[in-house]
Amino acid sequence: MSSTVWTTLPYIAFTSFVLGHLWRYRTDQFGWTTRSSQIYESRLLRLGSPLFHFGMLGVIGGHVMGILIPQSWTDAVGISEQMYHWVAISAGSVAGLAVIVGVAILLYRRTTVTAVRQATTTDDKVMYGLLLGALVTGLLNTVGSNLLWGTYNYRETVSPWFRSLFSVHPHPELMVGTPWTFQLHGLIVLALIGIWPYTRLVHMFSAPVGYLVRPYVVYRSKEPKAADKRRFSRAWDLPVRPPAR
């Protein structure tokens, strides 16, 4: 695959990611939600959702260490290449398997529970397909490049390429000679980044901060109690004063 692909596609995906979130926030704040289907089914959701979300934390942490942190930094603190690869195999495999099992449970739930299936949109299907493809190819890279077909040090090619995208001199040629599994994983991830703002994945950037400062919600009974011995009168029991003239 030519170096032009590894220069053009990332910036298209990043532009869609940034502008898409701005557009979605300005035009569709009520749609900025997970579209939770817990009301339809909760037993499978209680099992699959924690596996997926906690596993993703491990996957994201592994990518931060492997992609964003240069190899020279880990070498400087005494982490050898062999030690790094063994950590990647053990921790990365556990986190990757947890995410894949979680996604498998969620997909099974989404296809077998009628109400959940009917609530599934087209963008959900595309998102789940890309997400599953990214997870499978990522786990294949972790296990395959370390155990199945020899050791491949992606921190000398893939990692510098990704970091160079945020500089004035990108190096797309570093991706040209990488194994096809790494290239396929990169293409799927870029596609996922590009469609991110237009799916339920936007909820990743939401936090219930407003709950800390929101006013109390007042609940009132429809039927008055027989004996109200409270110290203060209720608001609707007070006499209504005519408006001042």
C-alpha atoms as a PDB file:
ATOM      1  CA  MET A   1       0.000   0.000   0.000  1.00  0.00           C
ATOM      2  CA  SER A   2       1.427   3.345  -1.059  1.00  0.00           C
ATOM      3  CA  SER A   3       2.645   5.972   1.359  1.00  0.00           C
ATOM      4  CA  THR A   4      -0.028   8.406   0.091  1.00  0.00           C
ATOM      5  CA  VAL A   5      -2.696   6.298   1.772  1.00  0.00           C
ATOM      6  CA  TRP A   6      -0.955   6.561   5.130  1.00  0.00           C
ATOM      7  CA  THR A   7      -0.804  10.342   4.798  1.00  0.00           C
ATOM      8  CA  THR A   8      -4.246  11.097   3.390  1.00  0.00           C
ATOM      9  CA  LEU A   9      -6.551   8.727   5.279  1.00  0.00           C
ATOM     10  CA  PRO A  10      -5.366   9.654   8.800  1.00  0.00           C
ATOM     11  CA  TYR A  11      -6.013  13.359   8.288  1.00  0.00           C
ATOM     12  CA  ILE A  12      -9.431  12.660   6.739  1.00  0.00           C
ATOM     13  CA  ALA A  13     -10.309  10.541   9.767  1.00  0.00           C
ATOM     14  CA  PHE A  14      -8.978  13.107  12.248  1.00  0.00           C
ATOM     15  CA  THR A  15     -10.845  15.957  10.507  1.00  0.00           C
ATOM     16  CA  SER A  16     -14.088  13.979  10.557  1.00  0.00           C
ATOM     17  CA  PHE A  17     -13.485  13.144  14.224  1.00  0.00           C
ATOM     18  CA  VAL A  18     -13.010  16.757  15.341  1.00  0.00           C
ATOM     19  CA  LEU A  19     -15.534  18.513  13.107  1.00  0.00           C
ATOM     20  CA  GLY A  20     -18.068  15.726  13.524  1.00  0.00           C
ATOM     21  CA  HIS A  21     -18.081  16.082  17.288  1.00  0.00           C
ATOM     22  CA  LEU A  22     -18.494  19.865  17.018  1.00  0.00           C
ATOM     23  CA  TRP A  23     -21.348  19.458  14.552  1.00  0.00           C
ATOM     24  CA  ARG A  24     -23.020  16.759  16.643  1.00  0.00           C
ATOM     25  CA  TYR A  25     -22.789  18.849  19.803  1.00  0.00           C
ATOM     26  CA  ARG A  26     -24.255  21.929  18.131  1.00  0.00           C
ATOM     27  CA  THR A  27     -27.067  20.186  16.266  1.00  0.00           C
ATOM     28  CA  ASP A  28     -27.906  16.998  18.166  1.00  0.00           C
ATOM     29  CA  GLN A  29     -27.327  17.380  21.890  1.00  0.00           C
ATOM     30  CA  PHE A  30     -30.446  15.354  22.689  1.00  0.00           C
ATOM     31  CA  GLY A  31     -29.035  12.527  20.567  1.00  0.00           C
ATOM     32  CA  TRP A  32     -25.685  12.671  22.382  1.00  0.00           C
ATOM     33  CA  THR A  33     -26.395   9.519  24.338  1.00  0.00           C
ATOM     34  CA  THR A  34     -25.609   5.822  24.582  1.00  0.00           C
ATOM     35  CA  ARG A  35     -29.186   4.982  23.534  1.00  0.00           C
ATOM     36  CA  SER A  36     -29.185   2.507  26.394  1.00  0.00           C
ATOM     37  CA  SER A  37     -31.287  -0.612  25.933  1.00  0.00           C
ATOM     38  CA  GLN A  38     -31.078  -1.738  29.552  1.00  0.00           C
ATOM     39  CA  ILE A  39     -34.826  -1.389  29.926  1.00  0.00           C
ATOM     40  CA  TYR A  40     -35.293  -4.206  27.397  1.00  0.00           C
ATOM     41  CA  GLU A  41     -32.810  -6.689  28.878  1.00  0.00           C
ATOM     42  CA  SER A  42     -30.321  -6.476  31.742  1.00  0.00           C
ATOM     43  CA  ARG A  43     -28.981  -9.972  32.514  1.00  0.00           C
ATOM     44  CA  LEU A  44     -26.659 -10.248  29.502  1.00  0.00           C
ATOM     45  CA  LEU A  45     -25.885  -6.529  29.690  1.00  0.00           C
ATOM     46  CA  ARG A  46     -24.612  -6.869  33.271  1.00  0.00           C
ATOM     47  CA  LEU A  47     -22.136  -9.493  32.051  1.00  0.00           C
ATOM     48  CA  GLY A  48     -21.046  -8.142  28.691  1.00  0.00           C
ATOM     49  CA  SER A  49     -20.824  -4.421  29.437  1.00  0.00           C
ATOM     50  CA  PRO A  50     -18.254  -4.620  32.298  1.00  0.00           C
ATOM     51  CA  LEU A  51     -16.098  -7.050  30.297  1.00  0.00           C
ATOM     52  CA  PHE A  52     -16.126  -4.676  27.353  1.00  0.00           C
ATOM     53  CA  HIS A  53     -15.554  -1.419  29.209  1.00  0.00           C
ATOM     54  CA  PHE A  54     -12.914  -2.614  31.682  1.00  0.00           C
ATOM     55  CA  GLY A  55     -11.161  -4.542  28.933  1.00  0.00           C
ATOM     56  CA  MET A  56     -11.115  -1.389  26.805  1.00  0.00           C
ATOM     57  CA  LEU A  57      -9.319   0.452  29.590  1.00  0.00           C
ATOM     58  CA  GLY A  58      -6.528  -2.126  29.354  1.00  0.00           C
ATOM     59  CA  VAL A  59      -6.488  -1.959  25.547  1.00  0.00           C
ATOM     60  CA  ILE A  60      -6.288   1.846  25.568  1.00  0.00           C
ATOM     61  CA  GLY A  61      -3.534   1.742  28.199  1.00  0.00           C
ATOM     62  CA  GLY A  62      -1.561  -0.710  26.082  1.00  0.00           C
ATOM     63  CA  HIS A  63      -1.878   1.517  23.021  1.00  0.00           C
ATOM     64  CA  VAL A  64      -0.758   4.560  24.982  1.00  0.00           C
ATOM     65  CA  MET A  65       2.345   2.699  26.122  1.00  0.00           C
ATOM     66  CA  GLY A  66       3.082   1.081  22.777  1.00  0.00           C
ATOM     67  CA  ILE A  67       2.156   3.833  20.336  1.00  0.00           C
ATOM     68  CA  LEU A  68       2.532   7.174  22.101  1.00  0.00           C
ATOM     69  CA  ILE A  69       5.538   6.409  24.341  1.00  0.00           C
ATOM     70  CA  PRO A  70       8.773   6.131  22.320  1.00  0.00           C
ATOM     71  CA  GLN A  71      10.904   3.028  22.720  1.00  0.00           C
ATOM     72  CA  SER A  72      13.830   5.165  23.832  1.00  0.00           C
ATOM     73  CA  TRP A  73      11.842   6.201  26.918  1.00  0.00           C
ATOM     74  CA  THR A  74      11.170   2.627  28.038  1.00  0.00           C
ATOM     75  CA  ASP A  75      14.792   1.721  27.325  1.00  0.00           C
ATOM     76  CA  ALA A  76      15.899   4.633  29.501  1.00  0.00           C
ATOM     77  CA  VAL A  77      13.988   3.312  32.517  1.00  0.00           C
ATOM     78  CA  GLY A  78      15.372  -0.198  32.098  1.00  0.00           C
ATOM     79  CA  ILE A  79      12.511  -1.944  30.270  1.00  0.00           C
ATOM     80  CA  SER A  80      14.134  -4.208  27.712  1.00  0.00           C
ATOM     81  CA  GLU A  81      12.511  -5.127  24.409  1.00  0.00           C
ATOM     82  CA  GLN A  82      11.993  -8.721  25.541  1.00  0.00           C
ATOM     83  CA  MET A  83      10.369  -7.607  28.786  1.00  0.00           C
ATOM     84  CA  TYR A  84       8.109  -5.215  26.913  1.00  0.00           C
ATOM     85  CA  HIS A  85       6.939  -7.912  24.500  1.00  0.00           C
ATOM     86  CA  TRP A  86       6.146 -10.341  27.312  1.00  0.00           C
ATOM     87  CA  VAL A  87       4.073  -7.678  29.051  1.00  0.00           C
ATOM     88  CA  ALA A  88       2.330  -6.950  25.765  1.00  0.00           C
ATOM     89  CA  ILE A  89       1.553 -10.645  25.273  1.00  0.00           C
ATOM     90  CA  SER A  90       0.236 -11.268  28.772  1.00  0.00           C
ATOM     91  CA  ALA A  91      -1.611  -8.054  29.626  1.00  0.00           C
ATOM     92  CA  GLY A  92      -2.604  -7.304  26.035  1.00  0.00           C
ATOM     93  CA  SER A  93      -4.036 -10.766  25.462  1.00  0.00           C
ATOM     94  CA  VAL A  94      -6.074 -10.695  28.677  1.00  0.00           C
ATOM     95  CA  ALA A  95      -7.476  -7.233  27.929  1.00  0.00           C
ATOM     96  CA  GLY A  96      -8.130  -8.090  24.281  1.00  0.00           C
ATOM     97  CA  LEU A  97      -9.913 -11.338  25.104  1.00  0.00           C
ATOM     98  CA  ALA A  98     -12.044  -9.583  27.730  1.00  0.00           C
ATOM     99  CA  VAL A  99     -13.134  -6.980  25.191  1.00  0.00           C
ATOM    100  CA  ILE A 100     -13.856  -9.557  22.484  1.00  0.00           C
ATOM    101  CA  VAL A 101     -15.879 -11.740  24.873  1.00  0.00           C
ATOM    102  CA  GLY A 102     -17.757  -8.649  26.049  1.00  0.00           C
ATOM    103  CA  VAL A 103     -18.524  -7.571  22.481  1.00  0.00           C
ATOM    104  CA  ALA A 104     -19.593 -11.130  21.589  1.00  0.00           C
ATOM    105  CA  ILE A 105     -22.065 -11.153  24.505  1.00  0.00           C
ATOM    106  CA  LEU A 106     -23.399  -7.726  23.556  1.00  0.00           C
ATOM    107  CA  LEU A 107     -23.782  -8.755  19.910  1.00  0.00           C
ATOM    108  CA  TYR A 108     -25.531 -11.972  20.935  1.00  0.00           C
ATOM    109  CA  ARG A 109     -27.866  -9.929  23.110  1.00  0.00           C
ATOM    110  CA  ARG A 110     -28.495  -7.439  20.314  1.00  0.00           C
ATOM    111  CA  THR A 111     -29.384 -10.144  17.813  1.00  0.00           C
ATOM    112  CA  THR A 112     -31.416 -12.498  20.012  1.00  0.00           C
ATOM    113  CA  VAL A 113     -33.435 -10.064  22.124  1.00  0.00           C
ATOM    114  CA  THR A 114     -36.205  -8.795  19.867  1.00  0.00           C
ATOM    115  CA  ALA A 115     -36.669  -5.388  21.492  1.00  0.00           C
ATOM    116  CA  VAL A 116     -32.921  -4.691  21.464  1.00  0.00           C
ATOM    117  CA  ARG A 117     -32.638  -5.830  17.845  1.00  0.00           C
ATOM    118  CA  GLN A 118     -35.458  -3.538  16.780  1.00  0.00           C
ATOM    119  CA  ALA A 119     -33.736  -0.609  18.519  1.00  0.00           C
ATOM    120  CA  THR A 120     -30.496  -1.246  16.601  1.00  0.00           C
ATOM    121  CA  THR A 121     -29.787   1.333  13.908  1.00  0.00           C
ATOM    122  CA  THR A 122     -27.674   1.080  10.758  1.00  0.00           C
ATOM    123  CA  ASP A 123     -24.851   3.109  12.269  1.00  0.00           C
ATOM    124  CA  ASP A 124     -24.873   0.697  15.239  1.00  0.00           C
ATOM    125  CA  LYS A 125     -24.293  -2.218  12.876  1.00  0.00           C
ATOM    126  CA  VAL A 126     -21.442  -0.447  11.077  1.00  0.00           C
ATOM    127  CA  MET A 127     -19.887   0.618  14.380  1.00  0.00           C
ATOM    128  CA  TYR A 128     -20.056  -2.878  15.866  1.00  0.00           C
ATOM    129  CA  GLY A 129     -18.545  -4.370  12.701  1.00  0.00           C
ATOM    130  CA  LEU A 130     -15.600  -1.977  12.675  1.00  0.00           C
ATOM    131  CA  LEU A 131     -15.099  -2.317  16.414  1.00  0.00           C
ATOM    132  CA  LEU A 132     -15.034  -6.101  16.228  1.00  0.00           C
ATOM    133  CA  GLY A 133     -12.665  -5.972  13.248  1.00  0.00           C
ATOM    134  CA  ALA A 134     -10.306  -3.634  15.095  1.00  0.00           C
ATOM    135  CA  LEU A 135     -10.304  -5.891  18.152  1.00  0.00           C
ATOM    136  CA  VAL A 136      -9.689  -9.110  16.225  1.00  0.00           C
ATOM    137  CA  THR A 137      -6.873  -7.667  14.112  1.00  0.00           C
ATOM    138  CA  GLY A 138      -5.348  -5.996  17.169  1.00  0.00           C
ATOM    139  CA  LEU A 139      -5.333  -9.269  19.105  1.00  0.00           C
ATOM    140  CA  LEU A 140      -3.936 -11.025  16.043  1.00  0.00           C
ATOM    141  CA  ASN A 141      -1.103  -8.510  15.953  1.00  0.00           C
ATOM    142  CA  THR A 142      -0.403  -8.923  19.663  1.00  0.00           C
ATOM    143  CA  VAL A 143      -0.311 -12.711  19.602  1.00  0.00           C
ATOM    144  CA  GLY A 144       0.827 -13.300  16.039  1.00  0.00           C
ATOM    145  CA  SER A 145       3.711 -10.850  15.932  1.00  0.00           C
ATOM    146  CA  ASN A 146       5.075 -12.217  19.198  1.00  0.00           C
ATOM    147  CA  LEU A 147       4.317 -15.936  19.120  1.00  0.00           C
ATOM    148  CA  LEU A 148       2.964 -17.263  15.817  1.00  0.00           C
ATOM    149  CA  TRP A 149       5.292 -15.873  13.166  1.00  0.00           C
ATOM    150  CA  GLY A 150       8.204 -14.392  15.049  1.00  0.00           C
ATOM    151  CA  THR A 151       8.762 -11.123  16.812  1.00  0.00           C
ATOM    152  CA  TYR A 152       7.922  -7.902  15.026  1.00  0.00           C
ATOM    153  CA  ASN A 153       8.869  -4.645  16.712  1.00  0.00           C
ATOM    154  CA  TYR A 154       6.080  -2.305  15.646  1.00  0.00           C
ATOM    155  CA  ARG A 155       7.528   0.439  17.852  1.00  0.00           C
ATOM    156  CA  GLU A 156      10.124   1.022  15.149  1.00  0.00           C
ATOM    157  CA  THR A 157       7.554   1.544  12.364  1.00  0.00           C
ATOM    158  CA  VAL A 158       3.898   1.909  13.368  1.00  0.00           C
ATOM    159  CA  SER A 159       4.519   3.972  16.502  1.00  0.00           C
ATOM    160  CA  PRO A 160       6.846   6.560  14.884  1.00  0.00           C
ATOM    161  CA  TRP A 161       4.455   6.829  11.923  1.00  0.00           C
ATOM    162  CA  PHE A 162       1.490   7.599  14.186  1.00  0.00           C
ATOM    163  CA  ARG A 163       3.401  10.151  16.253  1.00  0.00           C
ATOM    164  CA  SER A 164       4.727  11.813  13.109  1.00  0.00           C
ATOM    165  CA  LEU A 165       1.165  12.561  11.986  1.00  0.00           C
ATOM    166  CA  PHE A 166       1.053  15.261  14.667  1.00  0.00           C
ATOM    167  CA  SER A 167       4.241  16.916  13.430  1.00  0.00           C
ATOM    168  CA  VAL A 168       5.009  19.036  10.407  1.00  0.00           C
ATOM    169  CA  HIS A 169       6.931  16.175   8.797  1.00  0.00           C
ATOM    170  CA  PRO A 170       4.900  12.939   8.756  1.00  0.00           C
ATOM    171  CA  HIS A 171       6.611   9.697   7.746  1.00  0.00           C
ATOM    172  CA  PRO A 172       4.070   7.545   5.867  1.00  0.00           C
ATOM    173  CA  GLU A 173       6.844   5.409   4.372  1.00  0.00           C
ATOM    174  CA  LEU A 174       7.211   3.671   7.724  1.00  0.00           C
ATOM    175  CA  MET A 175       3.869   1.906   7.186  1.00  0.00           C
ATOM    176  CA  VAL A 176       4.557   0.690   3.660  1.00  0.00           C
ATOM    177  CA  GLY A 177       6.596  -2.355   4.645  1.00  0.00           C
ATOM    178  CA  THR A 178       4.677  -3.377   7.761  1.00  0.00           C
ATOM    179  CA  PRO A 179       2.881  -6.774   7.900  1.00  0.00           C
ATOM    180  CA  TRP A 180      -0.576  -6.840   6.336  1.00  0.00           C
ATOM    181  CA  THR A 181      -2.238  -7.456   9.701  1.00  0.00           C
ATOM    182  CA  PHE A 182      -0.884  -4.154  11.036  1.00  0.00           C
ATOM    183  CA  GLN A 183      -1.976  -2.340   7.889  1.00  0.00           C
ATOM    184  CA  LEU A 184      -5.469  -3.832   8.064  1.00  0.00           C
ATOM    185  CA  HIS A 185      -5.718  -2.940  11.741  1.00  0.00           C
ATOM    186  CA  GLY A 186      -4.656   0.624  10.966  1.00  0.00           C
ATOM    187  CA  LEU A 187      -7.236   1.022   8.188  1.00  0.00           C
ATOM    188  CA  ILE A 188     -10.059  -0.312  10.358  1.00  0.00           C
ATOM    189  CA  VAL A 189      -9.104   1.949  13.255  1.00  0.00           C
ATOM    190  CA  LEU A 190      -8.977   4.986  10.966  1.00  0.00           C
ATOM    191  CA  ALA A 191     -12.444   4.152   9.638  1.00  0.00           C
ATOM    192  CA  LEU A 192     -13.700   3.784  13.205  1.00  0.00           C
ATOM    193  CA  ILE A 193     -12.210   7.157  14.148  1.00  0.00           C
ATOM    194  CA  GLY A 194     -13.869   8.742  11.111  1.00  0.00           C
ATOM    195  CA  ILE A 195     -17.401   7.532  11.942  1.00  0.00           C
ATOM    196  CA  TRP A 196     -17.011   7.971  15.708  1.00  0.00           C
ATOM    197  CA  PRO A 197     -18.926  11.278  16.059  1.00  0.00           C
ATOM    198  CA  TYR A 198     -21.946   9.923  14.203  1.00  0.00           C
ATOM    199  CA  THR A 199     -22.492   6.898  16.445  1.00  0.00           C
ATOM    200  CA  ARG A 200     -23.295   6.181  20.080  1.00  0.00           C
ATOM    201  CA  LEU A 201     -19.545   6.223  20.792  1.00  0.00           C
ATOM    202  CA  VAL A 202     -19.826   9.970  21.449  1.00  0.00           C
ATOM    203  CA  HIS A 203     -20.891   9.121  25.004  1.00  0.00           C
ATOM    204  CA  MET A 204     -17.223   8.402  25.743  1.00  0.00           C
ATOM    205  CA  PHE A 205     -16.702  12.160  25.994  1.00  0.00           C
ATOM    206  CA  SER A 206     -19.611  12.737  28.339  1.00  0.00           C
ATOM    207  CA  ALA A 207     -19.475  12.931  32.111  1.00  0.00           C
ATOM    208  CA  PRO A 208     -22.402  13.544  34.501  1.00  0.00           C
ATOM    209  CA  VAL A 209     -20.804  16.659  35.960  1.00  0.00           C
ATOM    210  CA  GLY A 210     -24.137  18.471  35.944  1.00  0.00           C
ATOM    211  CA  TYR A 211     -25.535  16.090  38.525  1.00  0.00           C
ATOM    212  CA  LEU A 212     -23.266  17.706  41.124  1.00  0.00           C
ATOM    213  CA  VAL A 213     -24.885  21.137  40.782  1.00  0.00           C
ATOM    214  CA  ARG A 214     -28.368  20.397  39.443  1.00  0.00           C
ATOM    215  CA  PRO A 215     -31.353  21.358  41.659  1.00  0.00           C
ATOM    216  CA  TYR A 216     -33.310  18.742  43.511  1.00  0.00           C
ATOM    217  CA  VAL A 217     -36.168  17.062  41.712  1.00  0.00           C
ATOM    218  CA  VAL A 218     -39.406  17.539  43.640  1.00  0.00           C
ATOM    219  CA  TYR A 219     -41.729  14.538  43.795  1.00  0.00           C
ATOM    220  CA  ARG A 220     -45.301  15.132  44.990  1.00  0.00           C
ATOM    221  CA  SER A 221     -47.902  12.577  45.912  1.00  0.00           C
ATOM    222  CA  LYS A 222     -51.216  12.723  44.104  1.00  0.00           C
ATOM    223  CA  GLU A 223     -53.201  11.790  47.207  1.00  0.00           C
ATOM    224  CA  PRO A 224     -52.870  14.014  50.332  1.00  0.00           C
ATOM    225  CA  LYS A 225     -52.053  12.240  53.558  1.00  0.00           C
ATOM    226  CA  ALA A 226     -54.767  11.902  56.181  1.00  0.00           C
ATOM    227  CA  ALA A 227     -52.726  13.448  58.975  1.00  0.00           C
ATOM    228  CA  ASP A 228     -49.985  15.851  57.999  1.00  0.00           C
ATOM    229  CA  LYS A 229     -47.978  16.663  61.117  1.00  0.00           C
ATOM    230  CA  ARG A 230     -45.060  18.341  59.413  1.00  0.00           C
ATOM    231  CA  ARG A 231     -43.702  21.511  60.884  1.00  0.00           C
ATOM    232  CA  PHE A 232     -43.977  23.530  57.710  1.00  0.00           C
ATOM    233  CA  SER A 233     -46.940  23.831  55.382  1.00  0.00           C
ATOM    234  CA  ARG A 234     -46.816  22.513  51.872  1.00  0.00           C
ATOM    235  CA  ALA A 235     -46.579  25.020  49.074  1.00  0.00           C
ATOM    236  CA  TRP A 236     -49.921  24.058  47.562  1.00  0.00           C
ATOM    237  CA  ASP A 237     -51.666  24.368  50.946  1.00  0.00           C
ATOM    238  CA  LEU A 238     -50.842  28.058  51.294  1.00  0.00           C
ATOM    239  CA  PRO A 239     -53.582  30.546  50.391  1.00  0.00           C
ATOM    240  CA  VAL A 240     -53.335  31.964  46.911  1.00  0.00           C
ATOM    241  CA  ARG A 241     -52.818  35.708  46.974  1.00  0.00           C
ATOM    242  CA  PRO A 242     -54.333  37.805  44.202  1.00  0.00           C
ATOM    243  CA  PRO A 243     -51.827  39.568  41.977  1.00  0.00           C
ATOM    244  CA  ALA A 244     -50.940  43.131  42.973  1.00  0.00           C
ATOM    245  CA  ARG A 245     -52.663  45.798  40.967  1.00  0.00           C
END
